[in-house]
Amino acid sequence: MLEELATRVLVELRSANGPVAIGAVASALGTTSRHVAHPLSWLVERGLIERTGSRRGTRYAPLVARRNRPGAAAELTEKLAGA
């Protein structure tokens, strides 16, 4: 269940234009901020996304997408599958 929601969160972050607040992610997925908080932390811990700012200014963005290098998508899939 966690991995499934984390995948949906990651897809949403990758489709965004820049860092996104937790509320925006939750809204796009049709759920609450509380519901996506754990998957966001899980993705940060695994090095798939980065967290910047603090409190209400916290934003999330995918790391692999910013690298823009060959094989980044495959690396992302492997990291997510191996979690």
PDB file of N, CA and C in Angstrom:
ATOM      1  N   MET A   1       0.819  -1.199   0.000  1.00  0.00           N
ATOM      2  CA  MET A   1       0.000   0.000   0.000  1.00  0.00           C
ATOM      3  C   MET A   1       0.864   1.265   0.000  1.00  0.00           C
ATOM      4  N   LEU A   2       1.895   1.287   0.850  1.00  0.00           N
ATOM      5  CA  LEU A   2       2.778   2.447   0.909  1.00  0.00           C
ATOM      6  C   LEU A   2       3.466   2.666  -0.433  1.00  0.00           C
ATOM      7  N   GLU A   3       3.987   1.579  -1.010  1.00  0.00           N
ATOM      8  CA  GLU A   3       4.700   1.696  -2.278  1.00  0.00           C
ATOM      9  C   GLU A   3       3.778   2.176  -3.397  1.00  0.00           C
ATOM     10  N   GLU A   4       2.537   1.722  -3.371  1.00  0.00           N
ATOM     11  CA  GLU A   4       1.576   2.135  -4.401  1.00  0.00           C
ATOM     12  C   GLU A   4       1.295   3.636  -4.317  1.00  0.00           C
ATOM     13  N   LEU A   5       1.055   4.125  -3.106  1.00  0.00           N
ATOM     14  CA  LEU A   5       0.803   5.555  -2.940  1.00  0.00           C
ATOM     15  C   LEU A   5       2.063   6.369  -3.222  1.00  0.00           C
ATOM     16  N   ALA A   6       3.222   5.844  -2.813  1.00  0.00           N
ATOM     17  CA  ALA A   6       4.486   6.535  -3.088  1.00  0.00           C
ATOM     18  C   ALA A   6       4.719   6.667  -4.588  1.00  0.00           C
ATOM     19  N   THR A   7       4.355   5.646  -5.330  1.00  0.00           N
ATOM     20  CA  THR A   7       4.493   5.697  -6.788  1.00  0.00           C
ATOM     21  C   THR A   7       3.596   6.781  -7.369  1.00  0.00           C
ATOM     22  N   ARG A   8       2.363   6.857  -6.893  1.00  0.00           N
ATOM     23  CA  ARG A   8       1.434   7.893  -7.370  1.00  0.00           C
ATOM     24  C   ARG A   8       1.959   9.288  -7.019  1.00  0.00           C
ATOM     25  N   VAL A   9       2.506   9.423  -5.814  1.00  0.00           N
ATOM     26  CA  VAL A   9       3.074  10.713  -5.381  1.00  0.00           C
ATOM     27  C   VAL A   9       4.239  11.084  -6.283  1.00  0.00           C
ATOM     28  N   LEU A  10       5.118  10.138  -6.549  1.00  0.00           N
ATOM     29  CA  LEU A  10       6.283  10.396  -7.387  1.00  0.00           C
ATOM     30  C   LEU A  10       5.882  10.793  -8.804  1.00  0.00           C
ATOM     31  N   VAL A  11       4.899  10.123  -9.357  1.00  0.00           N
ATOM     32  CA  VAL A  11       4.412  10.468 -10.701  1.00  0.00           C
ATOM     33  C   VAL A  11       3.889  11.907 -10.703  1.00  0.00           C
ATOM     34  N   GLU A  12       3.159  12.262  -9.669  1.00  0.00           N
ATOM     35  CA  GLU A  12       2.634  13.628  -9.567  1.00  0.00           C
ATOM     36  C   GLU A  12       3.767  14.652  -9.471  1.00  0.00           C
ATOM     37  N   LEU A  13       4.768  14.367  -8.657  1.00  0.00           N
ATOM     38  CA  LEU A  13       5.902  15.289  -8.515  1.00  0.00           C
ATOM     39  C   LEU A  13       6.677  15.441  -9.823  1.00  0.00           C
ATOM     40  N   ARG A  14       6.814  14.337 -10.539  1.00  0.00           N
ATOM     41  CA  ARG A  14       7.555  14.396 -11.805  1.00  0.00           C
ATOM     42  C   ARG A  14       6.799  15.175 -12.875  1.00  0.00           C
ATOM     43  N   SER A  15       5.482  15.242 -12.760  1.00  0.00           N
ATOM     44  CA  SER A  15       4.703  15.969 -13.766  1.00  0.00           C
ATOM     45  C   SER A  15       4.563  17.458 -13.413  1.00  0.00           C
ATOM     46  N   ALA A  16       4.962  17.826 -12.208  1.00  0.00           N
ATOM     47  CA  ALA A  16       4.844  19.221 -11.765  1.00  0.00           C
ATOM     48  C   ALA A  16       5.950  20.088 -12.366  1.00  0.00           C
ATOM     49  N   ASN A  17       5.696  21.365 -12.419  1.00  0.00           N
ATOM     50  CA  ASN A  17       6.687  22.329 -12.899  1.00  0.00           C
ATOM     51  C   ASN A  17       7.387  22.962 -11.704  1.00  0.00           C
ATOM     52  N   GLY A  18       8.322  22.215 -11.117  1.00  0.00           N
ATOM     53  CA  GLY A  18       9.061  22.727  -9.970  1.00  0.00           C
ATOM     54  C   GLY A  18       8.595  22.106  -8.672  1.00  0.00           C
ATOM     55  N   PRO A  19       9.215  22.513  -7.582  1.00  0.00           N
ATOM     56  CA  PRO A  19       8.877  21.968  -6.259  1.00  0.00           C
ATOM     57  C   PRO A  19       7.415  22.217  -5.893  1.00  0.00           C
ATOM     58  N   VAL A  20       6.836  21.258  -5.166  1.00  0.00           N
ATOM     59  CA  VAL A  20       5.411  21.274  -4.858  1.00  0.00           C
ATOM     60  C   VAL A  20       5.181  21.126  -3.360  1.00  0.00           C
ATOM     61  N   ALA A  21       4.186  21.826  -2.844  1.00  0.00           N
ATOM     62  CA  ALA A  21       3.792  21.715  -1.435  1.00  0.00           C
ATOM     63  C   ALA A  21       2.989  20.437  -1.236  1.00  0.00           C
ATOM     64  N   ILE A  22       3.008  19.925  -0.013  1.00  0.00           N
ATOM     65  CA  ILE A  22       2.296  18.690   0.306  1.00  0.00           C
ATOM     66  C   ILE A  22       0.798  18.808   0.008  1.00  0.00           C
ATOM     67  N   GLY A  23       0.220  19.961   0.262  1.00  0.00           N
ATOM     68  CA  GLY A  23      -1.204  20.160  -0.002  1.00  0.00           C
ATOM     69  C   GLY A  23      -1.543  20.044  -1.474  1.00  0.00           C
ATOM     70  N   ALA A  24      -0.658  20.518  -2.326  1.00  0.00           N
ATOM     71  CA  ALA A  24      -0.882  20.429  -3.766  1.00  0.00           C
ATOM     72  C   ALA A  24      -0.812  18.980  -4.242  1.00  0.00           C
ATOM     73  N   VAL A  25       0.129  18.221  -3.687  1.00  0.00           N
ATOM     74  CA  VAL A  25       0.240  16.804  -4.034  1.00  0.00           C
ATOM     75  C   VAL A  25      -1.031  16.081  -3.599  1.00  0.00           C
ATOM     76  N   ALA A  26      -1.439  16.315  -2.359  1.00  0.00           N
ATOM     77  CA  ALA A  26      -2.640  15.667  -1.827  1.00  0.00           C
ATOM     78  C   ALA A  26      -3.869  16.013  -2.660  1.00  0.00           C
ATOM     79  N   SER A  27      -4.021  17.270  -3.001  1.00  0.00           N
ATOM     80  CA  SER A  27      -5.165  17.711  -3.784  1.00  0.00           C
ATOM     81  C   SER A  27      -5.183  17.037  -5.156  1.00  0.00           C
ATOM     82  N   ALA A  28      -4.027  16.970  -5.801  1.00  0.00           N
ATOM     83  CA  ALA A  28      -3.944  16.345  -7.120  1.00  0.00           C
ATOM     84  C   ALA A  28      -4.293  14.860  -7.070  1.00  0.00           C
ATOM     85  N   LEU A  29      -4.022  14.223  -5.925  1.00  0.00           N
ATOM     86  CA  LEU A  29      -4.313  12.794  -5.781  1.00  0.00           C
ATOM     87  C   LEU A  29      -5.682  12.540  -5.169  1.00  0.00           C
ATOM     88  N   GLY A  30      -6.384  13.609  -4.836  1.00  0.00           N
ATOM     89  CA  GLY A  30      -7.721  13.462  -4.273  1.00  0.00           C
ATOM     90  C   GLY A  30      -7.725  12.919  -2.859  1.00  0.00           C
ATOM     91  N   THR A  31      -6.729  13.287  -2.073  1.00  0.00           N
ATOM     92  CA  THR A  31      -6.629  12.810  -0.699  1.00  0.00           C
ATOM     93  C   THR A  31      -6.195  13.954   0.220  1.00  0.00           C
ATOM     94  N   THR A  32      -5.764  13.628   1.421  1.00  0.00           N
ATOM     95  CA  THR A  32      -5.379  14.652   2.395  1.00  0.00           C
ATOM     96  C   THR A  32      -3.864  14.740   2.537  1.00  0.00           C
ATOM     97  N   SER A  33      -3.402  15.865   3.063  1.00  0.00           N
ATOM     98  CA  SER A  33      -1.974  16.044   3.327  1.00  0.00           C
ATOM     99  C   SER A  33      -1.461  14.985   4.293  1.00  0.00           C
ATOM    100  N   ARG A  34      -2.261  14.676   5.288  1.00  0.00           N
ATOM    101  CA  ARG A  34      -1.876  13.664   6.270  1.00  0.00           C
ATOM    102  C   ARG A  34      -1.645  12.303   5.602  1.00  0.00           C
ATOM    103  N   HIS A  35      -2.463  11.999   4.591  1.00  0.00           N
ATOM    104  CA  HIS A  35      -2.374  10.712   3.901  1.00  0.00           C
ATOM    105  C   HIS A  35      -1.102  10.589   3.049  1.00  0.00           C
ATOM    106  N   VAL A  36      -0.585  11.688   2.507  1.00  0.00           N
ATOM    107  CA  VAL A  36       0.609  11.614   1.655  1.00  0.00           C
ATOM    108  C   VAL A  36       1.902  11.942   2.402  1.00  0.00           C
ATOM    109  N   ALA A  37       1.811  12.331   3.659  1.00  0.00           N
ATOM    110  CA  ALA A  37       3.011  12.689   4.427  1.00  0.00           C
ATOM    111  C   ALA A  37       3.989  11.519   4.552  1.00  0.00           C
ATOM    112  N   HIS A  38       3.489  10.349   4.877  1.00  0.00           N
ATOM    113  CA  HIS A  38       4.370   9.191   5.038  1.00  0.00           C
ATOM    114  C   HIS A  38       5.023   8.777   3.721  1.00  0.00           C
ATOM    115  N   PRO A  39       4.279   8.654   2.630  1.00  0.00           N
ATOM    116  CA  PRO A  39       4.932   8.338   1.354  1.00  0.00           C
ATOM    117  C   PRO A  39       5.981   9.383   0.942  1.00  0.00           C
ATOM    118  N   LEU A  40       5.726  10.653   1.226  1.00  0.00           N
ATOM    119  CA  LEU A  40       6.722  11.681   0.899  1.00  0.00           C
ATOM    120  C   LEU A  40       8.003  11.458   1.707  1.00  0.00           C
ATOM    121  N   SER A  41       7.874  11.212   2.998  1.00  0.00           N
ATOM    122  CA  SER A  41       9.055  10.945   3.834  1.00  0.00           C
ATOM    123  C   SER A  41       9.782   9.693   3.368  1.00  0.00           C
ATOM    124  N   TRP A  42       9.024   8.683   3.005  1.00  0.00           N
ATOM    125  CA  TRP A  42       9.585   7.420   2.517  1.00  0.00           C
ATOM    126  C   TRP A  42      10.420   7.657   1.254  1.00  0.00           C
ATOM    127  N   LEU A  43       9.904   8.479   0.344  1.00  0.00           N
ATOM    128  CA  LEU A  43      10.629   8.796  -0.889  1.00  0.00           C
ATOM    129  C   LEU A  43      11.880   9.632  -0.612  1.00  0.00           C
ATOM    130  N   VAL A  44      11.803  10.549   0.337  1.00  0.00           N
ATOM    131  CA  VAL A  44      12.971  11.359   0.729  1.00  0.00           C
ATOM    132  C   VAL A  44      14.056  10.440   1.294  1.00  0.00           C
ATOM    133  N   GLU A  45      13.687   9.539   2.190  1.00  0.00           N
ATOM    134  CA  GLU A  45      14.639   8.613   2.818  1.00  0.00           C
ATOM    135  C   GLU A  45      15.349   7.745   1.792  1.00  0.00           C
ATOM    136  N   ARG A  46      14.693   7.426   0.721  1.00  0.00           N
ATOM    137  CA  ARG A  46      15.280   6.581  -0.321  1.00  0.00           C
ATOM    138  C   ARG A  46      16.025   7.372  -1.392  1.00  0.00           C
ATOM    139  N   GLY A  47      16.080   8.674  -1.241  1.00  0.00           N
ATOM    140  CA  GLY A  47      16.835   9.498  -2.179  1.00  0.00           C
ATOM    141  C   GLY A  47      16.171   9.716  -3.514  1.00  0.00           C
ATOM    142  N   LEU A  48      14.858   9.521  -3.582  1.00  0.00           N
ATOM    143  CA  LEU A  48      14.155   9.701  -4.851  1.00  0.00           C
ATOM    144  C   LEU A  48      13.622  11.118  -5.022  1.00  0.00           C
ATOM    145  N   ILE A  49      13.358  11.788  -3.910  1.00  0.00           N
ATOM    146  CA  ILE A  49      12.906  13.180  -3.960  1.00  0.00           C
ATOM    147  C   ILE A  49      13.666  13.969  -2.906  1.00  0.00           C
ATOM    148  N   GLU A  50      13.616  15.288  -3.029  1.00  0.00           N
ATOM    149  CA  GLU A  50      14.240  16.130  -2.020  1.00  0.00           C
ATOM    150  C   GLU A  50      13.198  17.022  -1.375  1.00  0.00           C
ATOM    151  N   ARG A  51      13.458  17.332  -0.125  1.00  0.00           N
ATOM    152  CA  ARG A  51      12.583  18.224   0.641  1.00  0.00           C
ATOM    153  C   ARG A  51      13.363  19.510   0.869  1.00  0.00           C
ATOM    154  N   THR A  52      12.747  20.649   0.568  1.00  0.00           N
ATOM    155  CA  THR A  52      13.368  21.948   0.819  1.00  0.00           C
ATOM    156  C   THR A  52      12.407  22.793   1.654  1.00  0.00           C
ATOM    157  N   GLY A  53      12.946  23.749   2.373  1.00  0.00           N
ATOM    158  CA  GLY A  53      12.114  24.623   3.187  1.00  0.00           C
ATOM    159  C   GLY A  53      11.712  23.961   4.485  1.00  0.00           C
ATOM    160  N   SER A  54      10.869  24.652   5.222  1.00  0.00           N
ATOM    161  CA  SER A  54      10.385  24.108   6.483  1.00  0.00           C
ATOM    162  C   SER A  54       8.970  24.600   6.748  1.00  0.00           C
ATOM    163  N   ARG A  55       8.303  23.884   7.601  1.00  0.00           N
ATOM    164  CA  ARG A  55       6.928  24.188   7.988  1.00  0.00           C
ATOM    165  C   ARG A  55       6.045  24.410   6.768  1.00  0.00           C
ATOM    166  N   ARG A  56       5.329  25.503   6.729  1.00  0.00           N
ATOM    167  CA  ARG A  56       4.427  25.766   5.591  1.00  0.00           C
ATOM    168  C   ARG A  56       5.163  26.034   4.280  1.00  0.00           C
ATOM    169  N   GLY A  57       6.450  26.276   4.368  1.00  0.00           N
ATOM    170  CA  GLY A  57       7.248  26.519   3.170  1.00  0.00           C
ATOM    171  C   GLY A  57       7.920  25.282   2.610  1.00  0.00           C
ATOM    172  N   THR A  58       7.614  24.108   3.160  1.00  0.00           N
ATOM    173  CA  THR A  58       8.226  22.867   2.696  1.00  0.00           C
ATOM    174  C   THR A  58       7.720  22.522   1.299  1.00  0.00           C
ATOM    175  N   ARG A  59       8.666  22.167   0.442  1.00  0.00           N
ATOM    176  CA  ARG A  59       8.340  21.777  -0.935  1.00  0.00           C
ATOM    177  C   ARG A  59       9.089  20.495  -1.266  1.00  0.00           C
ATOM    178  N   TYR A  60       8.551  19.735  -2.196  1.00  0.00           N
ATOM    179  CA  TYR A  60       9.134  18.461  -2.603  1.00  0.00           C
ATOM    180  C   TYR A  60       9.350  18.460  -4.106  1.00  0.00           C
ATOM    181  N   ALA A  61      10.463  17.843  -4.529  1.00  0.00           N
ATOM    182  CA  ALA A  61      10.767  17.740  -5.956  1.00  0.00           C
ATOM    183  C   ALA A  61      11.541  16.449  -6.210  1.00  0.00           C
ATOM    184  N   PRO A  62      11.343  15.823  -7.349  1.00  0.00           N
ATOM    185  CA  PRO A  62      12.077  14.589  -7.665  1.00  0.00           C
ATOM    186  C   PRO A  62      13.538  14.885  -7.983  1.00  0.00           C
ATOM    187  N   LEU A  63      14.448  14.095  -7.446  1.00  0.00           N
ATOM    188  CA  LEU A  63      15.874  14.282  -7.713  1.00  0.00           C
ATOM    189  C   LEU A  63      16.262  13.771  -9.092  1.00  0.00           C
ATOM    190  N   VAL A  64      15.784  12.609  -9.468  1.00  0.00           N
ATOM    191  CA  VAL A  64      16.170  11.997 -10.733  1.00  0.00           C
ATOM    192  C   VAL A  64      15.772  12.874 -11.908  1.00  0.00           C
ATOM    193  N   ALA A  65      14.602  13.460 -11.859  1.00  0.00           N
ATOM    194  CA  ALA A  65      14.133  14.300 -12.963  1.00  0.00           C
ATOM    195  C   ALA A  65      15.039  15.517 -13.148  1.00  0.00           C
ATOM    196  N   ARG A  66      15.593  16.042 -12.050  1.00  0.00           N
ATOM    197  CA  ARG A  66      16.456  17.211 -12.162  1.00  0.00           C
ATOM    198  C   ARG A  66      17.802  16.866 -12.763  1.00  0.00           C
ATOM    199  N   ARG A  67      18.240  15.640 -12.592  1.00  0.00           N
ATOM    200  CA  ARG A  67      19.553  15.245 -13.105  1.00  0.00           C
ATOM    201  C   ARG A  67      19.573  15.220 -14.625  1.00  0.00           C
ATOM    202  N   ASN A  68      18.428  14.879 -15.215  1.00  0.00           N
ATOM    203  CA  ASN A  68      18.287  14.883 -16.670  1.00  0.00           C
ATOM    204  C   ASN A  68      19.448  14.172 -17.349  1.00  0.00           C
ATOM    205  N   ARG A  69      19.629  12.924 -17.003  1.00  0.00           N
ATOM    206  CA  ARG A  69      20.724  12.157 -17.578  1.00  0.00           C
ATOM    207  C   ARG A  69      20.210  10.814 -18.089  1.00  0.00           C
ATOM    208  N   PRO A  70      20.920  10.192 -19.026  1.00  0.00           N
ATOM    209  CA  PRO A  70      20.497   8.896 -19.552  1.00  0.00           C
ATOM    210  C   PRO A  70      20.411   7.859 -18.432  1.00  0.00           C
ATOM    211  N   GLY A  71      19.403   7.022 -18.481  1.00  0.00           N
ATOM    212  CA  GLY A  71      19.247   5.951 -17.501  1.00  0.00           C
ATOM    213  C   GLY A  71      18.560   6.365 -16.216  1.00  0.00           C
ATOM    214  N   ALA A  72      18.210   7.634 -16.088  1.00  0.00           N
ATOM    215  CA  ALA A  72      17.600   8.122 -14.843  1.00  0.00           C
ATOM    216  C   ALA A  72      16.258   7.444 -14.583  1.00  0.00           C
ATOM    217  N   ALA A  73      15.468   7.246 -15.613  1.00  0.00           N
ATOM    218  CA  ALA A  73      14.162   6.615 -15.427  1.00  0.00           C
ATOM    219  C   ALA A  73      14.320   5.169 -14.981  1.00  0.00           C
ATOM    220  N   ALA A  74      15.269   4.455 -15.569  1.00  0.00           N
ATOM    221  CA  ALA A  74      15.513   3.069 -15.185  1.00  0.00           C
ATOM    222  C   ALA A  74      16.001   2.979 -13.750  1.00  0.00           C
ATOM    223  N   GLU A  75      16.871   3.899 -13.358  1.00  0.00           N
ATOM    224  CA  GLU A  75      17.381   3.941 -11.995  1.00  0.00           C
ATOM    225  C   GLU A  75      16.234   4.165 -11.004  1.00  0.00           C
ATOM    226  N   LEU A  76      15.340   5.055 -11.342  1.00  0.00           N
ATOM    227  CA  LEU A  76      14.189   5.350 -10.509  1.00  0.00           C
ATOM    228  C   LEU A  76      13.323   4.108 -10.336  1.00  0.00           C
ATOM    229  N   THR A  77      13.063   3.408 -11.423  1.00  0.00           N
ATOM    230  CA  THR A  77      12.242   2.206 -11.375  1.00  0.00           C
ATOM    231  C   THR A  77      12.892   1.143 -10.500  1.00  0.00           C
ATOM    232  N   GLU A  78      14.198   0.967 -10.634  1.00  0.00           N
ATOM    233  CA  GLU A  78      14.921  -0.026  -9.837  1.00  0.00           C
ATOM    234  C   GLU A  78      14.881   0.333  -8.349  1.00  0.00           C
ATOM    235  N   LYS A  79      15.099   1.605  -8.010  1.00  0.00           N
ATOM    236  CA  LYS A  79      15.072   2.032  -6.609  1.00  0.00           C
ATOM    237  C   LYS A  79      13.703   1.804  -6.005  1.00  0.00           C
ATOM    238  N   LEU A  80      12.672   2.126  -6.739  1.00  0.00           N
ATOM    239  CA  LEU A  80      11.312   1.989  -6.236  1.00  0.00           C
ATOM    240  C   LEU A  80      10.939   0.508  -6.089  1.00  0.00           C
ATOM    241  N   ALA A  81      11.340  -0.306  -7.032  1.00  0.00           N
ATOM    242  CA  ALA A  81      11.036  -1.731  -6.977  1.00  0.00           C
ATOM    243  C   ALA A  81      11.814  -2.433  -5.864  1.00  0.00           C
ATOM    244  N   GLY A  82      13.009  -1.956  -5.577  1.00  0.00           N
ATOM    245  CA  GLY A  82      13.849  -2.584  -4.564  1.00  0.00           C
ATOM    246  C   GLY A  82      13.533  -2.145  -3.151  1.00  0.00           C
ATOM    247  N   ALA A  83      12.586  -1.257  -2.980  1.00  0.00           N
ATOM    248  CA  ALA A  83      12.287  -0.714  -1.642  1.00  0.00           C
ATOM    249  C   ALA A  83      11.563  -1.664  -0.760  1.00  0.00           C
TER     250      ALA A  83
END
